[in-house]
C-alpha cells in the first residue's frame, strides 16, 4: 500500500501535525501520536485546535478528522 492509499483506508483520519498533513487510524490518542512521532521527552507541549492539551489528558484525548496539532519539544541548553 502506498502512502497516498493510506488516506483512503477505512477507519483512518487526516490531521495536520506541525503544518504537515498526516493520516492516523481512528481512535489514535495524543499519547499514541507522540509515540509515532518519536517524542519521548517529558518536556513536550501539545496544542490541539489552538488549545493546550494537559499532559494528564494525553491518553484520553483522541484525534479527530481535520484536527490541527502543534507539538513542541523543549530542550535545555546554555
PDB file of N, CA and C in Angstrom:
ATOM      1  N   UNK A   1       0.845  -1.172   0.000  1.00  0.00           N
ATOM      2  CA  UNK A   1       0.000   0.000   0.000  1.00  0.00           C
ATOM      3  C   UNK A   1       0.890   1.235   0.000  1.00  0.00           C
ATOM      4  N   UNK A   2       0.607   2.169  -0.877  1.00  0.00           N
ATOM      5  CA  UNK A   2       1.410   3.387  -0.938  1.00  0.00           C
ATOM      6  C   UNK A   2       0.927   4.383   0.093  1.00  0.00           C
ATOM      7  N   UNK A   3       1.722   5.419   0.310  1.00  0.00           N
ATOM      8  CA  UNK A   3       1.364   6.453   1.265  1.00  0.00           C
ATOM      9  C   UNK A   3       0.030   7.096   0.935  1.00  0.00           C
ATOM     10  N   UNK A   4      -0.226   7.376  -0.353  1.00  0.00           N
ATOM     11  CA  UNK A   4      -1.477   8.015  -0.730  1.00  0.00           C
ATOM     12  C   UNK A   4      -2.668   7.099  -0.482  1.00  0.00           C
ATOM     13  N   UNK A   5      -2.464   5.781  -0.550  1.00  0.00           N
ATOM     14  CA  UNK A   5      -3.547   4.851  -0.280  1.00  0.00           C
ATOM     15  C   UNK A   5      -3.980   4.901   1.177  1.00  0.00           C
ATOM     16  N   UNK A   6      -3.082   5.269   2.068  1.00  0.00           N
ATOM     17  CA  UNK A   6      -3.419   5.282   3.490  1.00  0.00           C
ATOM     18  C   UNK A   6      -4.517   6.290   3.797  1.00  0.00           C
ATOM     19  N   UNK A   7      -4.677   7.321   2.957  1.00  0.00           N
ATOM     20  CA  UNK A   7      -5.734   8.295   3.185  1.00  0.00           C
ATOM     21  C   UNK A   7      -7.104   7.710   2.860  1.00  0.00           C
ATOM     22  N   UNK A   8      -7.155   6.697   2.010  1.00  0.00           N
ATOM     23  CA  UNK A   8      -8.416   6.106   1.609  1.00  0.00           C
ATOM     24  C   UNK A   8      -8.809   4.937   2.502  1.00  0.00           C
ATOM     25  N   UNK A   9      -7.952   4.564   3.417  1.00  0.00           N
ATOM     26  CA  UNK A   9      -8.209   3.419   4.283  1.00  0.00           C
ATOM     27  C   UNK A   9      -9.398   3.711   5.193  1.00  0.00           C
ATOM     28  N   UNK A  10     -10.321   2.760   5.264  1.00  0.00           N
ATOM     29  CA  UNK A  10     -11.464   2.904   6.151  1.00  0.00           C
ATOM     30  C   UNK A  10     -10.949   2.954   7.586  1.00  0.00           C
ATOM     31  N   UNK A  11     -11.499   3.869   8.365  1.00  0.00           N
ATOM     32  CA  UNK A  11     -11.081   3.965   9.750  1.00  0.00           C
ATOM     33  C   UNK A  11      -9.875   4.842   9.968  1.00  0.00           C
ATOM     34  N   UNK A  12      -9.447   5.574   8.935  1.00  0.00           N
ATOM     35  CA  UNK A  12      -8.331   6.489   9.139  1.00  0.00           C
ATOM     36  C   UNK A  12      -8.847   7.926   9.114  1.00  0.00           C
ATOM     37  N   UNK A  13      -8.096   8.790   9.756  1.00  0.00           N
ATOM     38  CA  UNK A  13      -8.447  10.206   9.797  1.00  0.00           C
ATOM     39  C   UNK A  13      -7.258  11.019   9.333  1.00  0.00           C
ATOM     40  N   UNK A  14      -7.533  12.206   8.841  1.00  0.00           N
ATOM     41  CA  UNK A  14      -6.474  13.115   8.417  1.00  0.00           C
ATOM     42  C   UNK A  14      -6.399  14.285   9.378  1.00  0.00           C
ATOM     43  N   UNK A  15      -5.175  14.591   9.787  1.00  0.00           N
ATOM     44  CA  UNK A  15      -4.919  15.714  10.679  1.00  0.00           C
ATOM     45  C   UNK A  15      -3.687  16.457  10.170  1.00  0.00           C
ATOM     46  N   UNK A  16      -3.432  17.610  10.739  1.00  0.00           N
ATOM     47  CA  UNK A  16      -2.207  18.346  10.446  1.00  0.00           C
ATOM     48  C   UNK A  16      -1.379  18.370  11.723  1.00  0.00           C
ATOM     49  N   UNK A  17      -0.113  17.967  11.599  1.00  0.00           N
ATOM     50  CA  UNK A  17       0.812  17.980  12.730  1.00  0.00           C
ATOM     51  C   UNK A  17       1.970  18.885  12.358  1.00  0.00           C
ATOM     52  N   UNK A  18       2.110  19.973  13.094  1.00  0.00           N
ATOM     53  CA  UNK A  18       3.154  20.969  12.825  1.00  0.00           C
ATOM     54  C   UNK A  18       3.134  21.395  11.358  1.00  0.00           C
ATOM     55  N   UNK A  19       1.914  21.540  10.820  1.00  0.00           N
ATOM     56  CA  UNK A  19       1.731  22.017   9.455  1.00  0.00           C
ATOM     57  C   UNK A  19       1.736  20.955   8.379  1.00  0.00           C
ATOM     58  N   UNK A  20       2.074  19.703   8.715  1.00  0.00           N
ATOM     59  CA  UNK A  20       2.138  18.629   7.731  1.00  0.00           C
ATOM     60  C   UNK A  20       0.887  17.753   7.808  1.00  0.00           C
ATOM     61  N   UNK A  21       0.294  17.453   6.653  1.00  0.00           N
ATOM     62  CA  UNK A  21      -0.856  16.553   6.607  1.00  0.00           C
ATOM     63  C   UNK A  21      -0.391  15.139   6.924  1.00  0.00           C
ATOM     64  N   UNK A  22      -1.113  14.481   7.809  1.00  0.00           N
ATOM     65  CA  UNK A  22      -0.774  13.113   8.215  1.00  0.00           C
ATOM     66  C   UNK A  22      -2.056  12.304   8.313  1.00  0.00           C
ATOM     67  N   UNK A  23      -1.933  11.001   8.230  1.00  0.00           N
ATOM     68  CA  UNK A  23      -3.061  10.095   8.376  1.00  0.00           C
ATOM     69  C   UNK A  23      -2.778   9.158   9.540  1.00  0.00           C
ATOM     70  N   UNK A  24      -3.786   8.957  10.392  1.00  0.00           N
ATOM     71  CA  UNK A  24      -3.674   8.067  11.545  1.00  0.00           C
ATOM     72  C   UNK A  24      -4.922   7.219  11.646  1.00  0.00           C
ATOM     73  N   UNK A  25      -4.831   6.057  12.274  1.00  0.00           N
ATOM     74  CA  UNK A  25      -6.036   5.254  12.491  1.00  0.00           C
ATOM     75  C   UNK A  25      -7.013   6.002  13.397  1.00  0.00           C
ATOM     76  N   UNK A  26      -8.291   5.854  13.125  1.00  0.00           N
ATOM     77  CA  UNK A  26      -9.300   6.418  14.022  1.00  0.00           C
ATOM     78  C   UNK A  26      -9.060   5.855  15.419  1.00  0.00           C
ATOM     79  N   UNK A  27      -9.252   6.672  16.428  1.00  0.00           N
ATOM     80  CA  UNK A  27      -9.040   6.236  17.809  1.00  0.00           C
ATOM     81  C   UNK A  27      -7.632   6.450  18.319  1.00  0.00           C
ATOM     82  N   UNK A  28      -6.792   7.141  17.533  1.00  0.00           N
ATOM     83  CA  UNK A  28      -5.425   7.429  17.968  1.00  0.00           C
ATOM     84  C   UNK A  28      -5.451   8.521  19.033  1.00  0.00           C
ATOM     85  N   UNK A  29      -4.797   8.266  20.154  1.00  0.00           N
ATOM     86  CA  UNK A  29      -4.725   9.248  21.236  1.00  0.00           C
ATOM     87  C   UNK A  29      -3.522  10.172  21.041  1.00  0.00           C
ATOM     88  N   UNK A  30      -3.514  11.258  21.777  1.00  0.00           N
ATOM     89  CA  UNK A  30      -2.363  12.163  21.760  1.00  0.00           C
ATOM     90  C   UNK A  30      -1.117  11.396  22.204  1.00  0.00           C
ATOM     91  N   UNK A  31      -1.264  10.551  23.207  1.00  0.00           N
ATOM     92  CA  UNK A  31      -0.141   9.752  23.697  1.00  0.00           C
ATOM     93  C   UNK A  31       0.415   8.858  22.584  1.00  0.00           C
ATOM     94  N   UNK A  32      -0.474   8.196  21.834  1.00  0.00           N
ATOM     95  CA  UNK A  32      -0.040   7.334  20.729  1.00  0.00           C
ATOM     96  C   UNK A  32       0.604   8.173  19.621  1.00  0.00           C
ATOM     97  N   UNK A  33       0.061   9.344  19.357  1.00  0.00           N
ATOM     98  CA  UNK A  33       0.636  10.249  18.358  1.00  0.00           C
ATOM     99  C   UNK A  33       2.080  10.571  18.714  1.00  0.00           C
ATOM    100  N   UNK A  34       2.326  10.887  19.979  1.00  0.00           N
ATOM    101  CA  UNK A  34       3.691  11.212  20.409  1.00  0.00           C
ATOM    102  C   UNK A  34       4.615  10.014  20.209  1.00  0.00           C
ATOM    103  N   UNK A  35       4.106   8.815  20.446  1.00  0.00           N
ATOM    104  CA  UNK A  35       4.904   7.610  20.215  1.00  0.00           C
ATOM    105  C   UNK A  35       5.272   7.450  18.748  1.00  0.00           C
ATOM    106  N   UNK A  36       4.317   7.683  17.862  1.00  0.00           N
ATOM    107  CA  UNK A  36       4.567   7.583  16.418  1.00  0.00           C
ATOM    108  C   UNK A  36       5.590   8.627  15.984  1.00  0.00           C
ATOM    109  N   UNK A  37       5.502   9.809  16.578  1.00  0.00           N
ATOM    110  CA  UNK A  37       6.434  10.888  16.236  1.00  0.00           C
ATOM    111  C   UNK A  37       7.804  10.702  16.871  1.00  0.00           C
ATOM    112  N   UNK A  38       7.928   9.740  17.789  1.00  0.00           N
ATOM    113  CA  UNK A  38       9.199   9.506  18.458  1.00  0.00           C
ATOM    114  C   UNK A  38       9.516  10.526  19.531  1.00  0.00           C
ATOM    115  N   UNK A  39       8.482  11.141  20.070  1.00  0.00           N
ATOM    116  CA  UNK A  39       8.659  12.136  21.128  1.00  0.00           C
ATOM    117  C   UNK A  39       8.577  11.419  22.462  1.00  0.00           C
ATOM    118  N   UNK A  40       9.696  11.321  23.136  1.00  0.00           N
ATOM    119  CA  UNK A  40       9.711  10.606  24.408  1.00  0.00           C
ATOM    120  C   UNK A  40      10.069  11.511  25.578  1.00  0.00           C
ATOM    121  N   UNK A  41      10.379  12.746  25.291  1.00  0.00           N
ATOM    122  CA  UNK A  41      10.759  13.661  26.358  1.00  0.00           C
ATOM    123  C   UNK A  41       9.545  14.071  27.184  1.00  0.00           C
ATOM    124  N   UNK A  42       9.721  14.194  28.480  1.00  0.00           N
ATOM    125  CA  UNK A  42       8.602  14.670  29.296  1.00  0.00           C
ATOM    126  C   UNK A  42       8.353  16.171  29.106  1.00  0.00           C
ATOM    127  N   UNK A  43       9.303  16.825  28.451  1.00  0.00           N
ATOM    128  CA  UNK A  43       9.177  18.267  28.255  1.00  0.00           C
ATOM    129  C   UNK A  43       8.627  18.553  26.858  1.00  0.00           C
ATOM    130  N   UNK A  44       7.329  18.298  26.721  1.00  0.00           N
ATOM    131  CA  UNK A  44       6.651  18.497  25.451  1.00  0.00           C
ATOM    132  C   UNK A  44       5.324  19.195  25.718  1.00  0.00           C
ATOM    133  N   UNK A  45       4.906  20.012  24.775  1.00  0.00           N
ATOM    134  CA  UNK A  45       3.591  20.655  24.838  1.00  0.00           C
ATOM    135  C   UNK A  45       2.847  20.301  23.560  1.00  0.00           C
ATOM    136  N   UNK A  46       1.560  20.015  23.707  1.00  0.00           N
ATOM    137  CA  UNK A  46       0.728  19.698  22.552  1.00  0.00           C
ATOM    138  C   UNK A  46      -0.440  20.671  22.531  1.00  0.00           C
ATOM    139  N   UNK A  47      -0.600  21.302  21.387  1.00  0.00           N
ATOM    140  CA  UNK A  47      -1.725  22.193  21.167  1.00  0.00           C
ATOM    141  C   UNK A  47      -2.627  21.532  20.136  1.00  0.00           C
ATOM    142  N   UNK A  48      -3.898  21.444  20.444  1.00  0.00           N
ATOM    143  CA  UNK A  48      -4.879  20.846  19.529  1.00  0.00           C
ATOM    144  C   UNK A  48      -5.954  21.875  19.232  1.00  0.00           C
ATOM    145  N   UNK A  49      -6.031  22.267  17.986  1.00  0.00           N
ATOM    146  CA  UNK A  49      -7.011  23.267  17.560  1.00  0.00           C
ATOM    147  C   UNK A  49      -6.917  24.534  18.412  1.00  0.00           C
ATOM    148  N   UNK A  50      -5.677  24.969  18.615  1.00  0.00           N
ATOM    149  CA  UNK A  50      -5.337  26.210  19.329  1.00  0.00           C
ATOM    150  C   UNK A  50      -5.595  26.185  20.832  1.00  0.00           C
ATOM    151  N   UNK A  51      -5.737  24.984  21.389  1.00  0.00           N
ATOM    152  CA  UNK A  51      -5.902  24.848  22.839  1.00  0.00           C
ATOM    153  C   UNK A  51      -4.865  23.856  23.349  1.00  0.00           C
ATOM    154  N   UNK A  52      -4.180  24.215  24.426  1.00  0.00           N
ATOM    155  CA  UNK A  52      -3.180  23.330  25.028  1.00  0.00           C
ATOM    156  C   UNK A  52      -3.880  22.116  25.627  1.00  0.00           C
ATOM    157  N   UNK A  53      -3.348  20.943  25.335  1.00  0.00           N
ATOM    158  CA  UNK A  53      -3.870  19.694  25.905  1.00  0.00           C
ATOM    159  C   UNK A  53      -3.066  19.406  27.172  1.00  0.00           C
ATOM    160  N   UNK A  54      -3.728  19.298  28.328  1.00  0.00           N
ATOM    161  CA  UNK A  54      -2.997  18.971  29.557  1.00  0.00           C
ATOM    162  C   UNK A  54      -2.361  17.589  29.462  1.00  0.00           C
ATOM    163  N   UNK A  55      -1.165  17.447  30.015  1.00  0.00           N
ATOM    164  CA  UNK A  55      -0.461  16.163  29.972  1.00  0.00           C
ATOM    165  C   UNK A  55      -1.325  15.027  30.522  1.00  0.00           C
ATOM    166  N   UNK A  56      -2.090  15.308  31.548  1.00  0.00           N
ATOM    167  CA  UNK A  56      -2.941  14.281  32.153  1.00  0.00           C
ATOM    168  C   UNK A  56      -4.021  13.785  31.192  1.00  0.00           C
ATOM    169  N   UNK A  57      -4.273  14.521  30.112  1.00  0.00           N
ATOM    170  CA  UNK A  57      -5.322  14.147  29.161  1.00  0.00           C
ATOM    171  C   UNK A  57      -4.770  13.499  27.890  1.00  0.00           C
ATOM    172  N   UNK A  58      -3.450  13.300  27.787  1.00  0.00           N
ATOM    173  CA  UNK A  58      -2.872  12.739  26.562  1.00  0.00           C
ATOM    174  C   UNK A  58      -3.449  11.364  26.228  1.00  0.00           C
ATOM    175  N   UNK A  59      -3.650  10.513  27.229  1.00  0.00           N
ATOM    176  CA  UNK A  59      -4.164   9.153  26.993  1.00  0.00           C
ATOM    177  C   UNK A  59      -5.638   9.162  26.601  1.00  0.00           C
ATOM    178  N   UNK A  60      -6.394  10.127  27.108  1.00  0.00           N
ATOM    179  CA  UNK A  60      -7.849  10.130  26.901  1.00  0.00           C
ATOM    180  C   UNK A  60      -8.318  11.113  25.835  1.00  0.00           C
ATOM    181  N   UNK A  61      -7.386  11.813  25.193  1.00  0.00           N
ATOM    182  CA  UNK A  61      -7.740  12.745  24.122  1.00  0.00           C
ATOM    183  C   UNK A  61      -7.427  12.085  22.791  1.00  0.00           C
ATOM    184  N   UNK A  62      -8.456  11.921  21.968  1.00  0.00           N
ATOM    185  CA  UNK A  62      -8.329  11.204  20.707  1.00  0.00           C
ATOM    186  C   UNK A  62      -8.391  12.165  19.529  1.00  0.00           C
ATOM    187  N   UNK A  63      -7.563  11.887  18.529  1.00  0.00           N
ATOM    188  CA  UNK A  63      -7.533  12.711  17.333  1.00  0.00           C
ATOM    189  C   UNK A  63      -8.859  12.599  16.591  1.00  0.00           C
ATOM    190  N   UNK A  64      -9.256  13.716  15.980  1.00  0.00           N
ATOM    191  CA  UNK A  64     -10.463  13.744  15.168  1.00  0.00           C
ATOM    192  C   UNK A  64     -10.117  14.304  13.802  1.00  0.00           C
ATOM    193  N   UNK A  65     -10.923  13.959  12.813  1.00  0.00           N
ATOM    194  CA  UNK A  65     -10.716  14.418  11.441  1.00  0.00           C
ATOM    195  C   UNK A  65     -10.494  15.926  11.411  1.00  0.00           C
ATOM    196  N   UNK A  66      -9.458  16.331  10.692  1.00  0.00           N
ATOM    197  CA  UNK A  66      -9.107  17.733  10.461  1.00  0.00           C
ATOM    198  C   UNK A  66      -8.574  18.470  11.686  1.00  0.00           C
ATOM    199  N   UNK A  67      -8.176  17.752  12.737  1.00  0.00           N
ATOM    200  CA  UNK A  67      -7.524  18.412  13.869  1.00  0.00           C
ATOM    201  C   UNK A  67      -6.255  19.098  13.380  1.00  0.00           C
ATOM    202  N   UNK A  68      -5.937  20.227  14.000  1.00  0.00           N
ATOM    203  CA  UNK A  68      -4.678  20.941  13.761  1.00  0.00           C
ATOM    204  C   UNK A  68      -3.870  20.815  15.042  1.00  0.00           C
ATOM    205  N   UNK A  69      -2.703  20.169  14.959  1.00  0.00           N
ATOM    206  CA  UNK A  69      -1.877  19.934  16.141  1.00  0.00           C
ATOM    207  C   UNK A  69      -0.520  20.585  15.992  1.00  0.00           C
ATOM    208  N   UNK A  70      -0.037  21.131  17.093  1.00  0.00           N
ATOM    209  CA  UNK A  70       1.328  21.629  17.173  1.00  0.00           C
ATOM    210  C   UNK A  70       1.981  20.883  18.323  1.00  0.00           C
ATOM    211  N   UNK A  71       3.111  20.258  18.031  1.00  0.00           N
ATOM    212  CA  UNK A  71       3.855  19.510  19.055  1.00  0.00           C
ATOM    213  C   UNK A  71       5.190  20.200  19.214  1.00  0.00           C
ATOM    214  N   UNK A  72       5.473  20.653  20.432  1.00  0.00           N
ATOM    215  CA  UNK A  72       6.699  21.396  20.700  1.00  0.00           C
ATOM    216  C   UNK A  72       7.470  20.692  21.802  1.00  0.00           C
ATOM    217  N   UNK A  73       8.719  20.338  21.485  1.00  0.00           N
ATOM    218  CA  UNK A  73       9.611  19.744  22.486  1.00  0.00           C
ATOM    219  C   UNK A  73      10.519  20.839  23.030  1.00  0.00           C
ATOM    220  N   UNK A  74      10.627  20.902  24.329  1.00  0.00           N
ATOM    221  CA  UNK A  74      11.507  21.874  24.968  1.00  0.00           C
ATOM    222  C   UNK A  74      12.845  21.234  25.240  1.00  0.00           C
ATOM    223  N   UNK A  75      13.925  21.917  24.883  1.00  0.00           N
ATOM    224  CA  UNK A  75      15.262  21.397  25.118  1.00  0.00           C
ATOM    225  C   UNK A  75      16.027  22.369  25.997  1.00  0.00           C
ATOM    226  N   UNK A  76      16.823  21.805  26.862  1.00  0.00           N
ATOM    227  CA  UNK A  76      17.671  22.631  27.718  1.00  0.00           C
ATOM    228  C   UNK A  76      18.968  22.980  27.016  1.00  0.00           C
ATOM    229  N   UNK A  77      19.606  23.939  27.515  1.00  0.00           N
ATOM    230  CA  UNK A  77      20.878  24.313  26.922  1.00  0.00           C
ATOM    231  C   UNK A  77      21.435  25.531  27.622  1.00  0.00           C
ATOM    232  N   UNK A  78      22.585  25.904  27.187  1.00  0.00           N
ATOM    233  CA  UNK A  78      23.172  27.043  27.873  1.00  0.00           C
ATOM    234  C   UNK A  78      23.916  27.947  26.990  1.00  0.00           C
TER     235      UNK A  78
END
